[in-house]
Amino acid sequence: MAWLFAISGPVVIILAVGRQGGLRPEDISSWVFAAFVFGGVLTMIFSYIFRQPIAIMWTIPGAVLIGGALQHLSFAEVIGAYLVCGVFMTFLGVTGLVAKIMAAIPMPIVMAMVAGVFLPFGLNIITAFEEATMMAVAMVAAFAIPTAIPSIGRVLPPVLCALAAGTASIIYSGQMSGVEIPSLAIAEPILYTPVFTLRALGELVIPLAVTVIAAQNAQGFVILRQAGFEPPENDLTVTCGLGSLLFGIFGSVPTCVTGPANAILNTSGAKERRYMAGVIFGLLAIMFGIFSPFTTGLGLVLPAVFINLLGGLAMLGVLQGAFTTAFDNPAHALGALVSFLVTLSGVAILNVGAPFWGLAFGYAVTLLLRRRGA
């Protein structure tokens, strides 16, 4: 089930971001290869060594963040930011500064930034009703039924149901007639040459690191602790940093300890044997990544409205959680609102993108209110 989740919604997000950012199919294929093959290897190693199911994949909020950045940055510049982010996270893990950083930046401010990044993708669900009404109705209904009935949702993931309904709608409408289905092929990952520019580093490094450390790893650590495990937080932070160097040079966003996959891996089975679920999850992820040309090629021949709608549905859970965390605490509500609005605006200041300024202005408002005792 964790694997089905990983290869459905999150992969659709990669496809949607890749299309939005104008990436070539081979770029997206290399991204998927790195994310799943290297992530699968790290998952197998950590799950086996520490005897707990530790799913290590890639940051979904970070991927969405890249979609906007690719509108004005080259892919090589973005990859340069990946690598610097990896070095930065490695430093934080080695020095043990992770806990201090997480304590310094209020989670509501971070999640408001994440909500601002995700909202445009969520709005694709609404616009799809105008572009492809019947498909949108079928997919939203297929998503809603297992979401509303947990007994069905535990067996059939909502995003997977929406994927099936949308595919059936496309085939029934004849939109795929004459479209050539890609052949099964082994991945040929691309080794990229990064470009380091101040505008890309200023826009992406801090927000990417924050999405990994505060939005993703923190969630994964909490889930593992709630399941009775003690995750090696510093080791995992260092691994996410070093792993991001490997991920990035092949075109993937930074690595992280995932929340949803870890949650699914801990839903059943004897605690002392759950680590094998992590090992099997990692093995399946590797197999999926090896055949990434087929999976990405198949996704890219599908209509854009289908990919955008499915990506929006896949992001609903994270978007809901982001809004809940951002605006649940009255002490940070105004700062969170500023962070959300600045990020949503998409306005770049001094050639640095909106997500960074969302964090900066939101945090500044919070500090100001603290000093005034508001």
Protein backbone atom coordinates (compact mmCIF):
# COMPACT_ATOMS: atom_id res chain seq x y z
CA MET A 1 0.00 0.00 0.00
CA ALA A 2 2.84 2.40 0.77
CA TRP A 3 4.35 1.64 -2.63
CA LEU A 4 1.03 2.19 -4.42
CA PHE A 5 0.76 5.56 -2.70
CA ALA A 6 4.32 6.49 -3.71
CA ILE A 7 3.90 5.60 -7.39
CA SER A 8 0.51 7.28 -7.81
CA GLY A 9 0.01 10.75 -6.32
CA PRO A 10 3.66 11.73 -5.81
CA VAL A 11 4.64 10.64 -9.33
CA VAL A 12 1.74 12.60 -10.79
CA ILE A 13 3.09 15.64 -8.92
CA ILE A 14 6.46 15.15 -10.62
CA LEU A 15 4.75 14.93 -14.00
CA ALA A 16 2.67 18.05 -13.32
CA VAL A 17 5.71 20.02 -12.12
CA GLY A 18 7.81 18.81 -15.04
CA ARG A 19 5.16 19.88 -17.53
CA GLN A 20 4.69 23.23 -15.84
CA GLY A 21 8.44 23.83 -15.83
CA GLY A 22 9.00 22.78 -19.44
CA LEU A 23 11.25 19.81 -18.64
CA ARG A 24 11.97 17.25 -21.35
CA PRO A 25 10.63 13.68 -20.93
CA GLU A 26 14.19 12.42 -20.42
CA ASP A 27 14.68 14.98 -17.62
CA ILE A 28 11.56 13.76 -15.84
CA SER A 29 12.59 10.13 -16.36
CA SER A 30 16.00 10.81 -14.80
CA TRP A 31 14.30 12.58 -11.87
CA VAL A 32 12.01 9.59 -11.26
CA PHE A 33 14.93 7.17 -11.59
CA ALA A 34 17.03 8.98 -8.99
CA ALA A 35 14.13 9.52 -6.58
CA PHE A 36 12.97 5.92 -6.56
CA VAL A 37 16.18 3.93 -7.13
CA PHE A 38 18.42 5.85 -4.73
CA GLY A 39 15.54 6.41 -2.31
CA GLY A 40 14.77 2.70 -2.41
CA VAL A 41 18.38 1.78 -1.65
CA LEU A 42 18.53 4.18 1.30
CA THR A 43 15.18 2.88 2.59
CA MET A 44 16.39 -0.73 2.48
CA ILE A 45 19.69 0.10 4.22
CA PHE A 46 18.22 2.18 7.05
CA SER A 47 15.24 -0.11 7.61
CA TYR A 48 17.50 -3.14 7.94
CA ILE A 49 20.24 -1.54 10.06
CA PHE A 50 17.94 0.22 12.52
CA ARG A 51 15.22 -2.47 12.47
CA GLN A 52 12.41 0.02 11.83
CA PRO A 53 10.51 0.91 8.63
CA ILE A 54 12.21 4.13 7.53
CA ALA A 55 10.95 5.21 4.11
CA ILE A 56 13.37 7.69 2.53
CA MET A 57 12.11 9.22 -0.70
CA TRP A 58 11.92 12.85 -1.90
CA THR A 59 10.26 16.06 -0.75
CA ILE A 60 6.83 16.62 -2.31
CA PRO A 61 6.57 20.29 -1.17
CA GLY A 62 10.07 20.79 -2.55
CA ALA A 63 8.97 19.39 -5.91
CA VAL A 64 6.03 21.78 -6.06
CA LEU A 65 8.36 24.62 -5.10
CA ILE A 66 10.46 23.81 -8.17
CA GLY A 67 7.47 24.11 -10.50
CA GLY A 68 7.32 27.86 -10.00
CA ALA A 69 11.09 28.30 -9.98
CA LEU A 70 11.46 26.65 -13.39
CA GLN A 71 9.39 29.48 -14.87
CA HIS A 72 12.39 31.80 -14.57
CA LEU A 73 15.35 29.56 -13.68
CA SER A 74 17.10 26.99 -15.87
CA PHE A 75 17.09 23.35 -14.78
CA ALA A 76 20.88 23.55 -14.34
CA GLU A 77 20.46 26.47 -11.91
CA VAL A 78 17.83 24.51 -9.97
CA ILE A 79 20.17 21.50 -9.77
CA GLY A 80 22.91 23.79 -8.42
CA ALA A 81 20.48 24.81 -5.66
CA TYR A 82 19.78 21.11 -4.94
CA LEU A 83 23.46 20.47 -4.35
CA VAL A 84 24.02 23.49 -2.12
CA CYS A 85 20.91 22.51 -0.15
CA GLY A 86 22.40 19.04 0.28
CA VAL A 87 25.64 20.48 1.67
CA PHE A 88 23.66 22.77 3.98
CA MET A 89 21.56 19.92 5.37
CA THR A 90 24.65 17.77 5.85
CA PHE A 91 26.21 20.58 7.89
CA LEU A 92 23.08 20.88 10.02
CA GLY A 93 23.07 17.14 10.68
CA VAL A 94 26.78 16.87 11.49
CA THR A 95 26.73 19.83 13.86
CA GLY A 96 23.43 18.82 15.48
CA LEU A 97 21.87 22.21 14.68
CA VAL A 98 18.71 20.61 13.27
CA ALA A 99 16.79 20.78 16.54
CA LYS A 100 17.73 24.45 17.06
CA ILE A 101 16.69 25.40 13.53
CA MET A 102 13.35 23.62 13.88
CA ALA A 103 12.75 25.31 17.22
CA ALA A 104 13.61 28.76 15.82
CA ILE A 105 11.24 28.74 12.84
CA PRO A 106 7.61 28.35 13.95
CA MET A 107 5.93 25.45 12.18
CA PRO A 108 2.83 27.57 11.30
CA ILE A 109 5.02 29.94 9.27
CA VAL A 110 6.62 27.02 7.43
CA MET A 111 3.33 25.31 6.67
CA ALA A 112 1.76 28.59 5.51
CA MET A 113 4.57 28.83 2.96
CA VAL A 114 3.87 25.23 1.93
CA ALA A 115 0.16 26.03 1.59
CA GLY A 116 0.94 29.01 -0.63
CA VAL A 117 3.06 26.82 -2.89
CA PHE A 118 0.44 24.05 -3.07
CA LEU A 119 -2.74 26.10 -3.51
CA PRO A 120 -2.35 26.80 -7.27
CA PHE A 121 -2.11 23.06 -7.88
CA GLY A 122 -5.18 22.42 -5.74
CA LEU A 123 -7.11 24.96 -7.82
CA ASN A 124 -6.52 22.74 -10.85
CA ILE A 125 -9.31 20.55 -9.48
CA ILE A 126 -11.78 23.42 -9.93
CA THR A 127 -10.59 24.52 -13.37
CA ALA A 128 -10.78 20.92 -14.61
CA PHE A 129 -14.58 21.06 -14.35
CA GLU A 130 -14.58 23.75 -17.03
CA GLU A 131 -12.06 22.03 -19.30
CA ALA A 132 -13.24 18.41 -18.99
CA THR A 133 -16.47 18.22 -17.01
CA MET A 134 -17.25 14.51 -17.30
CA MET A 135 -13.70 13.45 -16.51
CA ALA A 136 -13.58 15.79 -13.51
CA VAL A 137 -16.88 14.45 -12.15
CA ALA A 138 -15.73 10.84 -12.53
CA MET A 139 -12.33 11.42 -10.92
CA VAL A 140 -13.57 13.51 -8.02
CA ALA A 141 -16.31 10.96 -7.28
CA ALA A 142 -13.80 8.11 -7.44
CA PHE A 143 -11.54 10.02 -5.06
CA ALA A 144 -14.35 10.98 -2.67
CA ILE A 145 -15.86 7.52 -2.13
CA PRO A 146 -12.79 5.77 -0.62
CA THR A 147 -11.95 9.00 1.23
CA ALA A 148 -15.40 9.05 2.87
CA ILE A 149 -15.47 5.30 3.56
CA PRO A 150 -12.25 4.34 5.40
CA SER A 151 -12.85 0.59 4.98
CA ILE A 152 -12.62 1.07 1.20
CA GLY A 153 -9.80 3.58 1.43
CA ARG A 154 -7.60 1.13 3.32
CA VAL A 155 -7.80 -1.28 0.38
CA LEU A 156 -8.04 1.16 -2.53
CA PRO A 157 -6.08 4.43 -2.18
CA PRO A 158 -8.26 7.39 -3.25
CA VAL A 159 -5.68 8.72 -5.71
CA LEU A 160 -5.41 5.29 -7.33
CA CYS A 161 -9.21 5.20 -7.72
CA ALA A 162 -9.17 8.66 -9.30
CA LEU A 163 -6.38 7.53 -11.62
CA ALA A 164 -8.45 4.52 -12.75
CA ALA A 165 -11.60 6.61 -13.23
CA GLY A 166 -9.75 9.27 -15.21
CA THR A 167 -8.02 6.71 -17.40
CA ALA A 168 -11.35 5.00 -18.13
CA SER A 169 -12.89 8.36 -18.99
CA ILE A 170 -10.05 9.20 -21.39
CA ILE A 171 -10.28 5.83 -23.14
CA TYR A 172 -14.08 5.97 -23.37
CA SER A 173 -13.99 9.47 -24.86
CA GLY A 174 -11.52 8.36 -27.52
CA GLN A 175 -8.85 10.87 -26.53
CA MET A 176 -6.17 8.19 -26.62
CA SER A 177 -6.96 6.98 -30.14
CA GLY A 178 -3.89 7.32 -32.30
CA VAL A 179 -1.63 7.96 -29.31
CA GLU A 180 1.45 5.74 -29.25
CA ILE A 181 1.93 3.97 -25.92
CA PRO A 182 5.60 4.02 -24.88
CA SER A 183 7.47 0.74 -24.91
CA LEU A 184 8.91 -0.84 -21.79
CA ALA A 185 12.46 0.48 -21.42
CA ILE A 186 15.25 0.60 -18.87
CA ALA A 187 16.17 4.00 -17.46
CA GLU A 188 19.10 5.96 -18.85
CA PRO A 189 19.70 8.52 -16.10
CA ILE A 190 21.34 11.82 -17.00
CA LEU A 191 24.34 13.18 -15.10
CA TYR A 192 23.80 16.95 -15.07
CA THR A 193 26.31 19.77 -14.87
CA PRO A 194 25.01 22.20 -12.21
CA VAL A 195 25.06 25.96 -12.56
CA PHE A 196 25.42 28.04 -9.38
CA THR A 197 23.77 31.46 -9.43
CA LEU A 198 22.91 33.74 -6.54
CA ARG A 199 19.31 34.15 -7.68
CA ALA A 200 18.70 30.39 -7.65
CA LEU A 201 20.54 29.80 -4.38
CA GLY A 202 18.77 32.70 -2.68
CA GLU A 203 15.35 31.57 -3.87
CA LEU A 204 15.60 27.82 -3.30
CA VAL A 205 18.21 26.66 -0.79
CA ILE A 206 16.55 27.79 2.45
CA PRO A 207 12.95 26.93 1.40
CA LEU A 208 14.05 23.51 0.14
CA ALA A 209 15.95 22.78 3.34
CA VAL A 210 12.97 23.93 5.39
CA THR A 211 10.56 21.68 3.47
CA VAL A 212 12.83 18.70 4.11
CA ILE A 213 13.68 19.36 7.76
CA ALA A 214 10.51 21.01 9.05
CA ALA A 215 7.74 19.87 6.70
CA GLN A 216 8.84 16.32 5.88
CA ASN A 217 11.46 14.88 8.25
CA ALA A 218 9.69 16.24 11.32
CA GLN A 219 6.49 14.52 10.20
CA GLY A 220 8.32 11.25 9.52
CA PHE A 221 10.10 11.34 12.90
CA VAL A 222 6.85 11.95 14.77
CA ILE A 223 5.15 9.04 13.01
CA LEU A 224 8.01 6.69 13.85
CA ARG A 225 8.07 7.80 17.49
CA GLN A 226 4.31 7.34 17.77
CA ALA A 227 4.81 3.80 16.48
CA GLY A 228 7.26 3.13 19.32
CA PHE A 229 10.54 3.58 17.45
CA GLU A 230 13.46 5.93 18.05
CA PRO A 231 14.49 7.28 14.64
CA PRO A 232 18.18 8.26 14.31
CA GLU A 233 17.41 11.91 13.59
CA ASN A 234 20.93 13.28 13.14
CA ASP A 235 22.02 10.29 11.03
CA LEU A 236 18.95 10.67 8.86
CA THR A 237 19.49 14.42 8.45
CA VAL A 238 23.08 13.80 7.32
CA THR A 239 21.83 11.07 4.98
CA CYS A 240 19.21 13.41 3.54
CA GLY A 241 21.96 15.97 2.93
CA LEU A 242 24.40 13.56 1.31
CA GLY A 243 21.57 11.80 -0.49
CA SER A 244 20.44 15.11 -1.94
CA LEU A 245 23.84 15.47 -3.61
CA LEU A 246 23.31 12.12 -5.34
CA PHE A 247 19.65 12.80 -6.08
CA GLY A 248 20.38 16.29 -7.36
CA ILE A 249 23.15 15.43 -9.80
CA PHE A 250 20.63 13.20 -11.60
CA GLY A 251 17.88 15.84 -11.56
CA SER A 252 15.79 14.95 -8.49
CA VAL A 253 14.67 17.24 -5.68
CA PRO A 254 16.30 16.64 -2.25
CA THR A 255 15.63 13.48 -0.30
CA CYS A 256 13.70 13.28 2.95
CA VAL A 257 12.13 10.94 5.51
CA THR A 258 8.57 10.66 4.24
CA GLY A 259 5.46 11.02 6.35
CA PRO A 260 2.67 9.22 4.44
CA ALA A 261 4.71 6.16 3.43
CA ASN A 262 6.03 5.71 6.97
CA ALA A 263 2.51 6.05 8.32
CA ILE A 264 1.25 3.30 6.00
CA LEU A 265 4.20 1.02 6.82
CA ASN A 266 3.28 1.26 10.52
CA THR A 267 -0.44 0.51 10.21
CA SER A 268 -0.17 -3.25 10.77
CA GLY A 269 2.13 -6.14 11.62
CA ALA A 270 4.25 -6.98 14.64
CA LYS A 271 6.43 -4.02 15.58
CA GLU A 272 9.66 -6.03 15.63
CA ARG A 273 9.09 -7.21 12.06
CA ARG A 274 7.85 -4.02 10.42
CA TYR A 275 11.34 -3.18 9.22
CA MET A 276 10.86 -5.86 6.54
CA ALA A 277 7.97 -3.79 5.16
CA GLY A 278 10.49 -0.97 4.71
CA VAL A 279 12.92 -3.32 2.96
CA ILE A 280 10.22 -4.59 0.58
CA PHE A 281 8.98 -1.03 -0.03
CA GLY A 282 12.54 -0.02 -0.97
CA LEU A 283 12.91 -2.98 -3.33
CA LEU A 284 9.64 -2.17 -5.12
CA ALA A 285 10.69 1.49 -5.39
CA ILE A 286 13.95 0.45 -7.07
CA MET A 287 12.09 -1.68 -9.60
CA PHE A 288 9.75 1.21 -10.40
CA GLY A 289 12.63 3.63 -10.88
CA ILE A 290 14.52 1.29 -13.19
CA PHE A 291 11.59 1.39 -15.64
CA SER A 292 11.06 5.15 -15.32
CA PRO A 293 11.10 5.84 -19.11
CA PHE A 294 7.93 3.78 -19.49
CA THR A 295 6.14 5.22 -16.46
CA THR A 296 6.96 8.84 -17.24
CA GLY A 297 6.34 8.36 -20.95
CA LEU A 298 2.91 6.91 -20.24
CA GLY A 299 2.08 9.80 -17.95
CA LEU A 300 3.18 12.42 -20.46
CA VAL A 301 0.98 11.14 -23.30
CA LEU A 302 -2.09 11.65 -21.11
CA PRO A 303 -4.02 14.96 -21.39
CA ALA A 304 -2.60 17.83 -19.34
CA VAL A 305 -5.94 18.45 -17.62
CA PHE A 306 -5.92 14.84 -16.39
CA ILE A 307 -2.41 15.15 -14.92
CA ASN A 308 -3.19 18.52 -13.34
CA LEU A 309 -6.44 17.28 -11.81
CA LEU A 310 -4.87 14.11 -10.47
CA GLY A 311 -1.95 16.11 -9.06
CA GLY A 312 -4.39 18.46 -7.34
CA LEU A 313 -6.26 15.55 -5.76
CA ALA A 314 -2.97 14.02 -4.63
CA MET A 315 -2.03 17.25 -2.89
CA LEU A 316 -5.31 17.73 -1.03
CA GLY A 317 -4.18 15.89 2.10
CA VAL A 318 -0.94 17.81 2.37
CA LEU A 319 -2.72 21.09 1.57
CA GLN A 320 -5.32 20.42 4.27
CA GLY A 321 -2.61 19.59 6.81
CA ALA A 322 -0.67 22.69 5.86
CA PHE A 323 -3.68 24.99 6.36
CA THR A 324 -4.56 23.30 9.65
CA THR A 325 -1.05 23.69 11.06
CA ALA A 326 -0.62 27.20 9.70
CA PHE A 327 -3.76 28.75 11.15
CA ASP A 328 -4.53 26.61 14.18
CA ASN A 329 -2.37 28.67 16.56
CA PRO A 330 -3.68 32.24 17.14
CA ALA A 331 -0.22 33.38 18.27
CA HIS A 332 1.16 32.79 14.77
CA ALA A 333 -1.99 33.43 12.72
CA LEU A 334 -1.00 36.84 11.32
CA GLY A 335 2.56 35.79 10.55
CA ALA A 336 1.22 32.65 8.86
CA LEU A 337 -1.21 34.71 6.81
CA VAL A 338 1.59 37.01 5.65
CA SER A 339 3.75 33.99 4.77
CA PHE A 340 0.87 32.43 2.84
CA LEU A 341 -0.04 35.58 0.89
CA VAL A 342 3.53 36.50 -0.01
CA THR A 343 4.23 32.95 -1.20
CA LEU A 344 0.97 32.77 -3.14
CA SER A 345 1.72 36.08 -4.88
CA GLY A 346 4.66 34.55 -6.71
CA VAL A 347 6.42 37.91 -6.66
CA ALA A 348 10.22 37.79 -6.75
CA ILE A 349 12.17 40.47 -4.90
CA LEU A 350 15.84 41.04 -5.79
CA ASN A 351 15.53 38.02 -8.11
CA VAL A 352 14.73 35.81 -5.10
CA GLY A 353 11.47 33.87 -5.34
CA ALA A 354 8.33 34.30 -3.25
CA PRO A 355 8.69 31.17 -1.02
CA PHE A 356 11.82 32.56 0.62
CA TRP A 357 10.20 35.95 1.19
CA GLY A 358 7.09 34.26 2.51
CA LEU A 359 9.20 32.66 5.24
CA ALA A 360 11.17 35.85 5.86
CA PHE A 361 8.20 38.25 6.13
CA GLY A 362 6.03 35.79 8.03
CA TYR A 363 8.78 35.19 10.58
CA ALA A 364 9.46 38.94 10.85
CA VAL A 365 5.78 39.63 11.62
CA THR A 366 5.79 36.91 14.28
CA LEU A 367 8.91 38.36 15.93
CA LEU A 368 7.41 41.86 15.87
CA LEU A 369 4.21 40.67 17.54
CA ARG A 370 6.21 38.83 20.19
CA ARG A 371 8.11 41.98 21.07
CA ARG A 372 4.90 43.98 21.31
CA GLY A 373 3.37 41.26 23.44
CA ALA A 374 0.50 40.79 20.99
